[in-house]
Amino acid sequence: MGTADYTFGAFLVGVVVSAMLYGVTGVQTWYYFTWYSSDPWHIRLLVSAMFISDSIHQALITHTVYTYLVTDFGNVIDLEKLVWSLSVEVLFNGFTGLIVQSFFTMRVYRLSKKNIFATASVLSLVIAEFVLVVIYVAKALTLTTFIQVPQIKPLSMSVNAVAAAGDILITTFLCVFLQQSRTGLRQSDTLINKLMLFSINTGLLTSVCAVMSLISILVWPETYIYIAFYFCLGRLYCNSLLATLNARKSVRRDSCEDHMSLSLHRPRRPVNSPISSTRMGMPNDISIKINTAQGYVEDEFLSTKNLESSQSL
């Protein structure tokens, strides 16, 4: 494979995959505003800001690839120049990550019962990542050619490393605090198992993407394969948040089980009928027992709660 396959070819593949994921984001966003329009205004604002940021990022990386592969096609001198959109897209990807990770940080805060250490640990990584992104973009905008890009590769490596560390830490804390929420009840523990698996799956995608971007920089430093992975990172963040929000009705429905047992025992003693002088055999024990175990998730921060109630008649 030639040099173009590892550079502009990687750009193209990254944009195509990112566009596919953006389509998924669009569908999930539509689903959210259709079925969860009653969510608190700040959650709806957060989703709107995330989608706008993600849309701008998709437009920027599309502009980048179009410029290199269409506008500057065959012009070797222009192909060596850095297009401004390639630098600015990092800022919007970082902003999307900031929104999503902040949301999950609040989940850690709620599930940990306001544990300052856990929350501060996650929040420090989230803020550090965005600060590194801002520094990266500020320095990248001063560069003019691809030959100068190695000057900021340490920053790029730091951004991906901190992003992966933040995602892994968030997933770890969520699983730990969910595990501590177990009650021993089958229904509630089943709900917690589902939430733990869901947390692992959503955090795993973004972590793997960030790690692959970091590995690509280390293993293939002269290529732009790492950029292809980074193009997709923002989409994965969006879909992890939207999947979490959109799964609430399903989780709530699957976790609610009502059991009703009706026992009619054979008559063991006769009773006098109020309308007849004859003795009639009547059931002496009719019991209806309704056990309800509910596990549900709060709309705002997905904190698990468990109720168990029983009523006997």
C-alpha atoms as a PDB file:
ATOM      1  CA  MET A   1       0.000   0.000   0.000  1.00  0.00           C
ATOM      2  CA  GLY A   2       1.256   3.447  -0.885  1.00  0.00           C
ATOM      3  CA  THR A   3       1.677   6.455   1.337  1.00  0.00           C
ATOM      4  CA  ALA A   4      -1.708   7.840   0.306  1.00  0.00           C
ATOM      5  CA  ASP A   5      -3.444   4.757   1.711  1.00  0.00           C
ATOM      6  CA  TYR A   6      -2.060   5.459   5.166  1.00  0.00           C
ATOM      7  CA  THR A   7      -2.689   9.203   5.088  1.00  0.00           C
ATOM      8  CA  PHE A   8      -5.565  10.510   2.990  1.00  0.00           C
ATOM      9  CA  GLY A   9      -6.953   6.999   2.663  1.00  0.00           C
ATOM     10  CA  ALA A  10      -7.158   6.819   6.443  1.00  0.00           C
ATOM     11  CA  PHE A  11      -8.898  10.211   6.443  1.00  0.00           C
ATOM     12  CA  LEU A  12     -11.493   8.925   3.983  1.00  0.00           C
ATOM     13  CA  VAL A  13     -12.175   5.709   5.890  1.00  0.00           C
ATOM     14  CA  GLY A  14     -12.498   7.660   9.135  1.00  0.00           C
ATOM     15  CA  VAL A  15     -15.003  10.091   7.618  1.00  0.00           C
ATOM     16  CA  VAL A  16     -17.098   7.297   6.062  1.00  0.00           C
ATOM     17  CA  VAL A  17     -17.311   5.324   9.316  1.00  0.00           C
ATOM     18  CA  SER A  18     -17.952   8.519  11.246  1.00  0.00           C
ATOM     19  CA  ALA A  19     -20.776   9.442   8.855  1.00  0.00           C
ATOM     20  CA  MET A  20     -22.372   6.033   9.417  1.00  0.00           C
ATOM     21  CA  LEU A  21     -22.200   6.513  13.175  1.00  0.00           C
ATOM     22  CA  TYR A  22     -23.578  10.026  12.757  1.00  0.00           C
ATOM     23  CA  GLY A  23     -26.633   8.496  11.124  1.00  0.00           C
ATOM     24  CA  VAL A  24     -27.119   6.327  14.198  1.00  0.00           C
ATOM     25  CA  THR A  25     -26.732   9.433  16.355  1.00  0.00           C
ATOM     26  CA  GLY A  26     -29.415  11.202  14.351  1.00  0.00           C
ATOM     27  CA  VAL A  27     -31.881   8.342  14.768  1.00  0.00           C
ATOM     28  CA  GLN A  28     -31.181   8.089  18.484  1.00  0.00           C
ATOM     29  CA  THR A  29     -31.581  11.852  18.922  1.00  0.00           C
ATOM     30  CA  TRP A  30     -34.938  11.754  17.120  1.00  0.00           C
ATOM     31  CA  TYR A  31     -36.015   8.832  19.310  1.00  0.00           C
ATOM     32  CA  TYR A  32     -34.993  10.691  22.466  1.00  0.00           C
ATOM     33  CA  PHE A  33     -36.941  13.863  21.706  1.00  0.00           C
ATOM     34  CA  THR A  34     -39.952  11.792  20.586  1.00  0.00           C
ATOM     35  CA  TRP A  35     -40.224   9.581  23.656  1.00  0.00           C
ATOM     36  CA  TYR A  36     -38.544  11.633  26.369  1.00  0.00           C
ATOM     37  CA  SER A  37     -39.829  15.138  25.668  1.00  0.00           C
ATOM     38  CA  SER A  38     -40.849  15.424  29.322  1.00  0.00           C
ATOM     39  CA  ASP A  39     -37.252  15.136  30.562  1.00  0.00           C
ATOM     40  CA  PRO A  40     -35.877  18.061  32.608  1.00  0.00           C
ATOM     41  CA  TRP A  41     -34.946  21.021  30.443  1.00  0.00           C
ATOM     42  CA  HIS A  42     -31.243  20.796  31.270  1.00  0.00           C
ATOM     43  CA  ILE A  43     -31.052  17.174  30.069  1.00  0.00           C
ATOM     44  CA  ARG A  44     -32.757  18.130  26.801  1.00  0.00           C
ATOM     45  CA  LEU A  45     -30.392  21.095  26.497  1.00  0.00           C
ATOM     46  CA  LEU A  46     -27.419  18.798  27.082  1.00  0.00           C
ATOM     47  CA  VAL A  47     -28.575  16.419  24.337  1.00  0.00           C
ATOM     48  CA  SER A  48     -29.176  19.345  21.965  1.00  0.00           C
ATOM     49  CA  ALA A  49     -25.723  20.816  22.615  1.00  0.00           C
ATOM     50  CA  MET A  50     -24.112  17.421  22.137  1.00  0.00           C
ATOM     51  CA  PHE A  51     -25.892  16.829  18.821  1.00  0.00           C
ATOM     52  CA  ILE A  52     -25.039  20.308  17.514  1.00  0.00           C
ATOM     53  CA  SER A  53     -21.385  19.858  18.454  1.00  0.00           C
ATOM     54  CA  ASP A  54     -21.321  16.438  16.828  1.00  0.00           C
ATOM     55  CA  SER A  55     -22.944  17.815  13.663  1.00  0.00           C
ATOM     56  CA  ILE A  56     -20.369  20.599  13.403  1.00  0.00           C
ATOM     57  CA  HIS A  57     -17.594  18.064  13.832  1.00  0.00           C
ATOM     58  CA  GLN A  58     -18.990  15.897  11.033  1.00  0.00           C
ATOM     59  CA  ALA A  59     -19.177  18.945   8.765  1.00  0.00           C
ATOM     60  CA  LEU A  60     -15.582  19.898   9.568  1.00  0.00           C
ATOM     61  CA  ILE A  61     -14.060  16.486   8.844  1.00  0.00           C
ATOM     62  CA  THR A  62     -16.118  16.262   5.646  1.00  0.00           C
ATOM     63  CA  HIS A  63     -14.715  19.637   4.620  1.00  0.00           C
ATOM     64  CA  THR A  64     -11.203  18.357   5.377  1.00  0.00           C
ATOM     65  CA  VAL A  65     -11.497  15.273   3.185  1.00  0.00           C
ATOM     66  CA  TYR A  66     -13.258  17.154   0.385  1.00  0.00           C
ATOM     67  CA  THR A  67     -10.500  19.756   0.330  1.00  0.00           C
ATOM     68  CA  TYR A  68      -7.690  17.197   0.128  1.00  0.00           C
ATOM     69  CA  LEU A  69      -9.322  14.683  -2.215  1.00  0.00           C
ATOM     70  CA  VAL A  70     -11.292  17.003  -4.493  1.00  0.00           C
ATOM     71  CA  THR A  71     -10.269  20.671  -4.316  1.00  0.00           C
ATOM     72  CA  ASP A  72      -6.524  20.020  -4.054  1.00  0.00           C
ATOM     73  CA  PHE A  73      -6.490  16.779  -6.018  1.00  0.00           C
ATOM     74  CA  GLY A  74      -3.239  16.465  -7.984  1.00  0.00           C
ATOM     75  CA  ASN A  75      -1.748  19.582  -6.405  1.00  0.00           C
ATOM     76  CA  VAL A  76       1.171  18.203  -4.398  1.00  0.00           C
ATOM     77  CA  ILE A  77       2.074  21.525  -2.809  1.00  0.00           C
ATOM     78  CA  ASP A  78      -1.432  22.137  -1.453  1.00  0.00           C
ATOM     79  CA  LEU A  79      -1.718  18.543  -0.238  1.00  0.00           C
ATOM     80  CA  GLU A  80       1.200  19.202   2.108  1.00  0.00           C
ATOM     81  CA  LYS A  81      -0.624  22.097   3.758  1.00  0.00           C
ATOM     82  CA  LEU A  82      -2.772  21.747   6.851  1.00  0.00           C
ATOM     83  CA  VAL A  83      -6.421  22.579   6.287  1.00  0.00           C
ATOM     84  CA  TRP A  84      -7.848  24.681   9.123  1.00  0.00           C
ATOM     85  CA  SER A  85     -10.837  22.372   9.593  1.00  0.00           C
ATOM     86  CA  LEU A  86      -8.539  19.460  10.453  1.00  0.00           C
ATOM     87  CA  SER A  87      -7.334  21.378  13.504  1.00  0.00           C
ATOM     88  CA  VAL A  88     -10.659  22.902  14.565  1.00  0.00           C
ATOM     89  CA  GLU A  89     -12.508  19.547  14.465  1.00  0.00           C
ATOM     90  CA  VAL A  90     -10.501  18.414  17.475  1.00  0.00           C
ATOM     91  CA  LEU A  91     -12.089  21.171  19.567  1.00  0.00           C
ATOM     92  CA  PHE A  92     -15.644  20.039  18.803  1.00  0.00           C
ATOM     93  CA  ASN A  93     -14.768  16.397  19.346  1.00  0.00           C
ATOM     94  CA  GLY A  94     -13.328  17.372  22.704  1.00  0.00           C
ATOM     95  CA  PHE A  95     -16.402  19.428  23.557  1.00  0.00           C
ATOM     96  CA  THR A  96     -18.671  16.478  22.772  1.00  0.00           C
ATOM     97  CA  GLY A  97     -16.549  14.286  25.016  1.00  0.00           C
ATOM     98  CA  LEU A  98     -16.725  16.914  27.762  1.00  0.00           C
ATOM     99  CA  ILE A  99     -20.536  16.947  27.657  1.00  0.00           C
ATOM    100  CA  VAL A 100     -20.905  13.171  27.700  1.00  0.00           C
ATOM    101  CA  GLN A 101     -18.270  12.492  30.323  1.00  0.00           C
ATOM    102  CA  SER A 102     -19.697  15.227  32.545  1.00  0.00           C
ATOM    103  CA  PHE A 103     -23.072  13.509  32.392  1.00  0.00           C
ATOM    104  CA  PHE A 104     -21.551  10.191  33.427  1.00  0.00           C
ATOM    105  CA  THR A 105     -19.566  11.959  36.137  1.00  0.00           C
ATOM    106  CA  MET A 106     -22.867  13.126  37.603  1.00  0.00           C
ATOM    107  CA  ARG A 107     -24.073   9.529  37.501  1.00  0.00           C
ATOM    108  CA  VAL A 108     -21.023   8.528  39.524  1.00  0.00           C
ATOM    109  CA  TYR A 109     -21.791  11.342  41.967  1.00  0.00           C
ATOM    110  CA  ARG A 110     -25.388  10.194  42.439  1.00  0.00           C
ATOM    111  CA  LEU A 111     -24.726   6.461  42.584  1.00  0.00           C
ATOM    112  CA  SER A 112     -21.827   6.929  45.021  1.00  0.00           C
ATOM    113  CA  LYS A 113     -24.102   8.928  47.328  1.00  0.00           C
ATOM    114  CA  LYS A 114     -22.070  12.082  46.735  1.00  0.00           C
ATOM    115  CA  ASN A 115     -18.662  10.468  47.197  1.00  0.00           C
ATOM    116  CA  ILE A 116     -16.271  13.389  46.759  1.00  0.00           C
ATOM    117  CA  PHE A 117     -13.171  11.291  46.089  1.00  0.00           C
ATOM    118  CA  ALA A 118     -14.750   9.254  43.294  1.00  0.00           C
ATOM    119  CA  THR A 119     -16.395  12.279  41.697  1.00  0.00           C
ATOM    120  CA  ALA A 120     -13.282  14.452  41.928  1.00  0.00           C
ATOM    121  CA  SER A 121     -11.117  11.691  40.444  1.00  0.00           C
ATOM    122  CA  VAL A 122     -13.324  11.371  37.393  1.00  0.00           C
ATOM    123  CA  LEU A 123     -13.933  15.093  37.027  1.00  0.00           C
ATOM    124  CA  SER A 124     -10.206  15.871  37.115  1.00  0.00           C
ATOM    125  CA  LEU A 125      -9.614  13.560  34.133  1.00  0.00           C
ATOM    126  CA  VAL A 126     -12.574  15.003  32.249  1.00  0.00           C
ATOM    127  CA  ILE A 127     -11.369  18.577  32.727  1.00  0.00           C
ATOM    128  CA  ALA A 128      -7.751  17.629  31.999  1.00  0.00           C
ATOM    129  CA  GLU A 129      -8.772  16.069  28.685  1.00  0.00           C
ATOM    130  CA  PHE A 130     -10.613  19.172  27.536  1.00  0.00           C
ATOM    131  CA  VAL A 131      -7.757  21.461  28.616  1.00  0.00           C
ATOM    132  CA  LEU A 132      -5.334  19.329  26.585  1.00  0.00           C
ATOM    133  CA  VAL A 133      -7.710  19.541  23.620  1.00  0.00           C
ATOM    134  CA  VAL A 134      -7.787  23.338  23.806  1.00  0.00           C
ATOM    135  CA  ILE A 135      -3.982  23.508  24.008  1.00  0.00           C
ATOM    136  CA  TYR A 136      -3.688  21.089  21.080  1.00  0.00           C
ATOM    137  CA  VAL A 137      -6.013  23.141  18.886  1.00  0.00           C
ATOM    138  CA  ALA A 138      -4.282  26.408  19.802  1.00  0.00           C
ATOM    139  CA  LYS A 139      -0.905  24.985  18.761  1.00  0.00           C
ATOM    140  CA  ALA A 140      -2.247  23.167  15.700  1.00  0.00           C
ATOM    141  CA  LEU A 141      -3.668  26.383  14.269  1.00  0.00           C
ATOM    142  CA  THR A 142      -0.158  27.854  14.197  1.00  0.00           C
ATOM    143  CA  LEU A 143       1.119  25.020  11.998  1.00  0.00           C
ATOM    144  CA  THR A 144       0.999  25.244   8.225  1.00  0.00           C
ATOM    145  CA  THR A 145       2.218  21.881   6.873  1.00  0.00           C
ATOM    146  CA  PHE A 146       2.037  18.204   7.766  1.00  0.00           C
ATOM    147  CA  ILE A 147       5.791  18.171   8.312  1.00  0.00           C
ATOM    148  CA  GLN A 148       5.211  20.192  11.498  1.00  0.00           C
ATOM    149  CA  VAL A 149       2.546  17.844  12.895  1.00  0.00           C
ATOM    150  CA  PRO A 150       5.040  15.663  14.875  1.00  0.00           C
ATOM    151  CA  GLN A 151       5.599  18.705  17.096  1.00  0.00           C
ATOM    152  CA  ILE A 152       2.148  18.253  18.647  1.00  0.00           C
ATOM    153  CA  LYS A 153       1.911  14.462  18.575  1.00  0.00           C
ATOM    154  CA  PRO A 154       2.788  14.212  22.297  1.00  0.00           C
ATOM    155  CA  LEU A 155      -0.297  16.342  22.968  1.00  0.00           C
ATOM    156  CA  SER A 156      -2.385  14.094  20.738  1.00  0.00           C
ATOM    157  CA  MET A 157      -1.140  11.045  22.639  1.00  0.00           C
ATOM    158  CA  SER A 158      -1.972  12.722  25.947  1.00  0.00           C
ATOM    159  CA  VAL A 159      -5.516  13.539  24.825  1.00  0.00           C
ATOM    160  CA  ASN A 160      -6.213   9.921  23.855  1.00  0.00           C
ATOM    161  CA  ALA A 161      -4.565   8.507  26.968  1.00  0.00           C
ATOM    162  CA  VAL A 162      -6.522  10.756  29.323  1.00  0.00           C
ATOM    163  CA  ALA A 163      -9.754  10.078  27.417  1.00  0.00           C
ATOM    164  CA  ALA A 164      -9.280   6.309  27.756  1.00  0.00           C
ATOM    165  CA  ALA A 165      -8.361   6.647  31.432  1.00  0.00           C
ATOM    166  CA  GLY A 166     -11.461   8.734  32.111  1.00  0.00           C
ATOM    167  CA  ASP A 167     -13.784   6.276  30.373  1.00  0.00           C
ATOM    168  CA  ILE A 168     -12.285   3.308  32.191  1.00  0.00           C
ATOM    169  CA  LEU A 169     -12.490   5.066  35.559  1.00  0.00           C
ATOM    170  CA  ILE A 170     -16.119   6.068  34.995  1.00  0.00           C
ATOM    171  CA  THR A 171     -17.070   2.502  34.048  1.00  0.00           C
ATOM    172  CA  THR A 172     -15.198   1.084  37.036  1.00  0.00           C
ATOM    173  CA  PHE A 173     -16.861   3.409  39.529  1.00  0.00           C
ATOM    174  CA  LEU A 174     -20.321   2.810  38.066  1.00  0.00           C
ATOM    175  CA  CYS A 175     -19.888  -0.958  38.329  1.00  0.00           C
ATOM    176  CA  VAL A 176     -18.507  -0.751  41.868  1.00  0.00           C
ATOM    177  CA  PHE A 177     -21.310   1.454  43.166  1.00  0.00           C
ATOM    178  CA  LEU A 178     -23.962  -0.582  41.376  1.00  0.00           C
ATOM    179  CA  GLN A 179     -22.510  -3.711  42.954  1.00  0.00           C
ATOM    180  CA  GLN A 180     -22.782  -2.078  46.361  1.00  0.00           C
ATOM    181  CA  SER A 181     -26.456  -1.355  45.670  1.00  0.00           C
ATOM    182  CA  ARG A 182     -27.396  -5.034  45.627  1.00  0.00           C
ATOM    183  CA  THR A 183     -30.204  -5.946  47.987  1.00  0.00           C
ATOM    184  CA  GLY A 184     -30.330  -9.714  47.606  1.00  0.00           C
ATOM    185  CA  LEU A 185     -33.720  -9.521  45.893  1.00  0.00           C
ATOM    186  CA  ARG A 186     -33.770 -11.354  42.595  1.00  0.00           C
ATOM    187  CA  GLN A 187     -35.570  -8.649  40.659  1.00  0.00           C
ATOM    188  CA  SER A 188     -33.433  -5.764  41.886  1.00  0.00           C
ATOM    189  CA  ASP A 189     -30.191  -7.717  41.466  1.00  0.00           C
ATOM    190  CA  THR A 190     -31.201  -8.611  37.927  1.00  0.00           C
ATOM    191  CA  LEU A 191     -31.728  -4.914  37.225  1.00  0.00           C
ATOM    192  CA  ILE A 192     -28.318  -4.082  38.657  1.00  0.00           C
ATOM    193  CA  ASN A 193     -26.685  -6.780  36.518  1.00  0.00           C
ATOM    194  CA  LYS A 194     -28.257  -5.240  33.424  1.00  0.00           C
ATOM    195  CA  LEU A 195     -27.109  -1.743  34.374  1.00  0.00           C
ATOM    196  CA  MET A 196     -23.575  -2.979  35.053  1.00  0.00           C
ATOM    197  CA  LEU A 197     -23.411  -4.752  31.694  1.00  0.00           C
ATOM    198  CA  PHE A 198     -24.820  -1.665  30.005  1.00  0.00           C
ATOM    199  CA  SER A 199     -22.216   0.570  31.678  1.00  0.00           C
ATOM    200  CA  ILE A 200     -19.398  -1.721  30.610  1.00  0.00           C
ATOM    201  CA  ASN A 201     -20.592  -1.892  27.013  1.00  0.00           C
ATOM    202  CA  THR A 202     -21.037   1.867  26.615  1.00  0.00           C
ATOM    203  CA  GLY A 203     -17.712   2.696  28.270  1.00  0.00           C
ATOM    204  CA  LEU A 204     -15.870  -0.055  26.403  1.00  0.00           C
ATOM    205  CA  LEU A 205     -16.515   1.375  22.931  1.00  0.00           C
ATOM    206  CA  THR A 206     -15.109   4.818  23.656  1.00  0.00           C
ATOM    207  CA  SER A 207     -12.188   3.393  25.627  1.00  0.00           C
ATOM    208  CA  VAL A 208     -11.202   0.992  22.844  1.00  0.00           C
ATOM    209  CA  CYS A 209     -11.435   3.741  20.227  1.00  0.00           C
ATOM    210  CA  ALA A 210      -9.213   6.086  22.270  1.00  0.00           C
ATOM    211  CA  VAL A 211      -6.726   3.285  22.973  1.00  0.00           C
ATOM    212  CA  MET A 212      -6.591   2.316  19.289  1.00  0.00           C
ATOM    213  CA  SER A 213      -5.916   5.927  18.365  1.00  0.00           C
ATOM    214  CA  LEU A 214      -3.096   6.022  20.920  1.00  0.00           C
ATOM    215  CA  ILE A 215      -1.632   2.710  19.707  1.00  0.00           C
ATOM    216  CA  SER A 216      -1.768   3.911  16.109  1.00  0.00           C
ATOM    217  CA  ILE A 217       0.324   6.961  16.973  1.00  0.00           C
ATOM    218  CA  LEU A 218       2.937   4.794  18.672  1.00  0.00           C
ATOM    219  CA  VAL A 219       3.080   1.999  16.099  1.00  0.00           C
ATOM    220  CA  TRP A 220       2.552   4.006  12.890  1.00  0.00           C
ATOM    221  CA  PRO A 221       3.798   7.508  13.743  1.00  0.00           C
ATOM    222  CA  GLU A 222       4.260   8.503  10.098  1.00  0.00           C
ATOM    223  CA  THR A 223       0.654   7.750   9.152  1.00  0.00           C
ATOM    224  CA  TYR A 224      -2.714   9.278   9.981  1.00  0.00           C
ATOM    225  CA  ILE A 225      -4.481   6.099  10.982  1.00  0.00           C
ATOM    226  CA  TYR A 226      -4.861   7.497  14.480  1.00  0.00           C
ATOM    227  CA  ILE A 227      -6.859  10.399  13.066  1.00  0.00           C
ATOM    228  CA  ALA A 228      -9.380   7.954  11.573  1.00  0.00           C
ATOM    229  CA  PHE A 229     -10.020   6.527  15.038  1.00  0.00           C
ATOM    230  CA  TYR A 230     -10.262   9.981  16.559  1.00  0.00           C
ATOM    231  CA  PHE A 231     -12.813  11.034  13.932  1.00  0.00           C
ATOM    232  CA  CYS A 232     -15.129   8.308  15.270  1.00  0.00           C
ATOM    233  CA  LEU A 233     -14.578   8.976  18.961  1.00  0.00           C
ATOM    234  CA  GLY A 234     -17.131  11.781  19.218  1.00  0.00           C
ATOM    235  CA  ARG A 235     -19.831   9.657  17.533  1.00  0.00           C
ATOM    236  CA  LEU A 236     -19.248   6.863  20.021  1.00  0.00           C
ATOM    237  CA  TYR A 237     -19.551   9.318  22.906  1.00  0.00           C
ATOM    238  CA  CYS A 238     -22.856  10.608  21.528  1.00  0.00           C
ATOM    239  CA  ASN A 239     -24.284   7.154  21.019  1.00  0.00           C
ATOM    240  CA  SER A 240     -23.202   5.962  24.458  1.00  0.00           C
ATOM    241  CA  LEU A 241     -25.090   8.833  26.105  1.00  0.00           C
ATOM    242  CA  LEU A 242     -28.150   8.523  23.880  1.00  0.00           C
ATOM    243  CA  ALA A 243     -28.265   4.761  24.319  1.00  0.00           C
ATOM    244  CA  THR A 244     -28.216   5.262  28.083  1.00  0.00           C
ATOM    245  CA  LEU A 245     -31.046   7.785  27.978  1.00  0.00           C
ATOM    246  CA  ASN A 246     -33.151   5.886  25.448  1.00  0.00           C
ATOM    247  CA  ALA A 247     -32.866   2.557  27.267  1.00  0.00           C
ATOM    248  CA  ARG A 248     -34.679   3.781  30.368  1.00  0.00           C
ATOM    249  CA  LYS A 249     -38.178   2.702  29.358  1.00  0.00           C
ATOM    250  CA  SER A 250     -36.942  -0.702  28.301  1.00  0.00           C
ATOM    251  CA  VAL A 251     -34.961  -1.237  31.503  1.00  0.00           C
ATOM    252  CA  ARG A 252     -37.865  -0.068  33.607  1.00  0.00           C
ATOM    253  CA  ARG A 253     -40.305  -2.327  31.787  1.00  0.00           C
ATOM    254  CA  ASP A 254     -38.080  -5.412  31.949  1.00  0.00           C
ATOM    255  CA  SER A 255     -37.303  -4.939  35.631  1.00  0.00           C
ATOM    256  CA  CYS A 256     -40.910  -4.756  36.838  1.00  0.00           C
ATOM    257  CA  GLU A 257     -42.443  -8.123  37.623  1.00  0.00           C
ATOM    258  CA  ASP A 258     -45.744  -8.637  39.311  1.00  0.00           C
ATOM    259  CA  HIS A 259     -46.593 -11.967  40.825  1.00  0.00           C
ATOM    260  CA  MET A 260     -50.063 -12.826  42.035  1.00  0.00           C
ATOM    261  CA  SER A 261     -50.890 -16.100  43.694  1.00  0.00           C
ATOM    262  CA  LEU A 262     -54.443 -17.116  44.394  1.00  0.00           C
ATOM    263  CA  SER A 263     -55.061 -20.074  46.657  1.00  0.00           C
ATOM    264  CA  LEU A 264     -58.488 -21.583  47.192  1.00  0.00           C
ATOM    265  CA  HIS A 265     -58.391 -24.274  49.838  1.00  0.00           C
ATOM    266  CA  ARG A 266     -60.833 -27.081  50.235  1.00  0.00           C
ATOM    267  CA  PRO A 267     -63.478 -26.516  52.905  1.00  0.00           C
ATOM    268  CA  ARG A 268     -62.372 -27.535  56.363  1.00  0.00           C
ATOM    269  CA  ARG A 269     -65.291 -26.337  58.399  1.00  0.00           C
ATOM    270  CA  PRO A 270     -68.940 -25.768  57.683  1.00  0.00           C
ATOM    271  CA  VAL A 271     -70.543 -22.371  58.093  1.00  0.00           C
ATOM    272  CA  ASN A 272     -74.181 -21.416  58.641  1.00  0.00           C
ATOM    273  CA  SER A 273     -75.822 -19.848  55.632  1.00  0.00           C
ATOM    274  CA  PRO A 274     -77.647 -16.618  56.478  1.00  0.00           C
ATOM    275  CA  ILE A 275     -80.422 -17.473  53.973  1.00  0.00           C
ATOM    276  CA  SER A 276     -80.933 -21.159  54.644  1.00  0.00           C
ATOM    277  CA  SER A 277     -81.332 -23.488  57.599  1.00  0.00           C
ATOM    278  CA  THR A 278     -79.082 -26.042  55.927  1.00  0.00           C
ATOM    279  CA  ARG A 279     -75.374 -26.119  56.526  1.00  0.00           C
ATOM    280  CA  MET A 280     -73.295 -25.378  53.473  1.00  0.00           C
ATOM    281  CA  GLY A 281     -69.644 -26.162  52.912  1.00  0.00           C
ATOM    282  CA  MET A 282     -67.661 -23.013  52.201  1.00  0.00           C
ATOM    283  CA  PRO A 283     -64.001 -22.445  51.675  1.00  0.00           C
ATOM    284  CA  ASN A 284     -62.558 -21.240  54.939  1.00  0.00           C
ATOM    285  CA  ASP A 285     -59.421 -19.701  53.471  1.00  0.00           C
ATOM    286  CA  ILE A 286     -59.287 -17.548  50.391  1.00  0.00           C
ATOM    287  CA  SER A 287     -56.010 -15.660  50.080  1.00  0.00           C
ATOM    288  CA  ILE A 288     -54.767 -13.417  47.385  1.00  0.00           C
ATOM    289  CA  LYS A 289     -51.150 -12.379  47.642  1.00  0.00           C
ATOM    290  CA  ILE A 290     -49.658  -9.807  45.358  1.00  0.00           C
ATOM    291  CA  ASN A 291     -45.914  -9.351  45.449  1.00  0.00           C
ATOM    292  CA  THR A 292     -44.470  -6.540  43.482  1.00  0.00           C
ATOM    293  CA  ALA A 293     -40.809  -5.998  43.005  1.00  0.00           C
ATOM    294  CA  GLN A 294     -39.880  -2.955  41.044  1.00  0.00           C
ATOM    295  CA  GLY A 295     -36.544  -1.696  39.919  1.00  0.00           C
ATOM    296  CA  TYR A 296     -36.543   1.508  38.022  1.00  0.00           C
ATOM    297  CA  VAL A 297     -34.217   4.184  36.895  1.00  0.00           C
ATOM    298  CA  GLU A 298     -34.619   7.870  37.493  1.00  0.00           C
ATOM    299  CA  ASP A 299     -35.098   9.815  34.307  1.00  0.00           C
ATOM    300  CA  GLU A 300     -32.480  12.388  35.168  1.00  0.00           C
ATOM    301  CA  PHE A 301     -29.432  10.525  36.361  1.00  0.00           C
ATOM    302  CA  LEU A 302     -30.326   6.848  36.117  1.00  0.00           C
ATOM    303  CA  SER A 303     -29.945   6.133  39.813  1.00  0.00           C
ATOM    304  CA  THR A 304     -31.238   2.717  40.777  1.00  0.00           C
ATOM    305  CA  LYS A 305     -34.009   2.405  43.325  1.00  0.00           C
ATOM    306  CA  ASN A 306     -35.725  -0.725  44.503  1.00  0.00           C
ATOM    307  CA  LEU A 307     -39.127  -1.194  45.983  1.00  0.00           C
ATOM    308  CA  GLU A 308     -40.673  -4.293  47.337  1.00  0.00           C
ATOM    309  CA  SER A 309     -44.217  -4.318  48.559  1.00  0.00           C
ATOM    310  CA  SER A 310     -46.613  -7.082  49.384  1.00  0.00           C
ATOM    311  CA  GLN A 311     -50.308  -6.959  50.019  1.00  0.00           C
ATOM    312  CA  SER A 312     -52.372  -9.817  51.405  1.00  0.00           C
ATOM    313  CA  LEU A 313     -56.135 -10.042  51.424  1.00  0.00           C
END
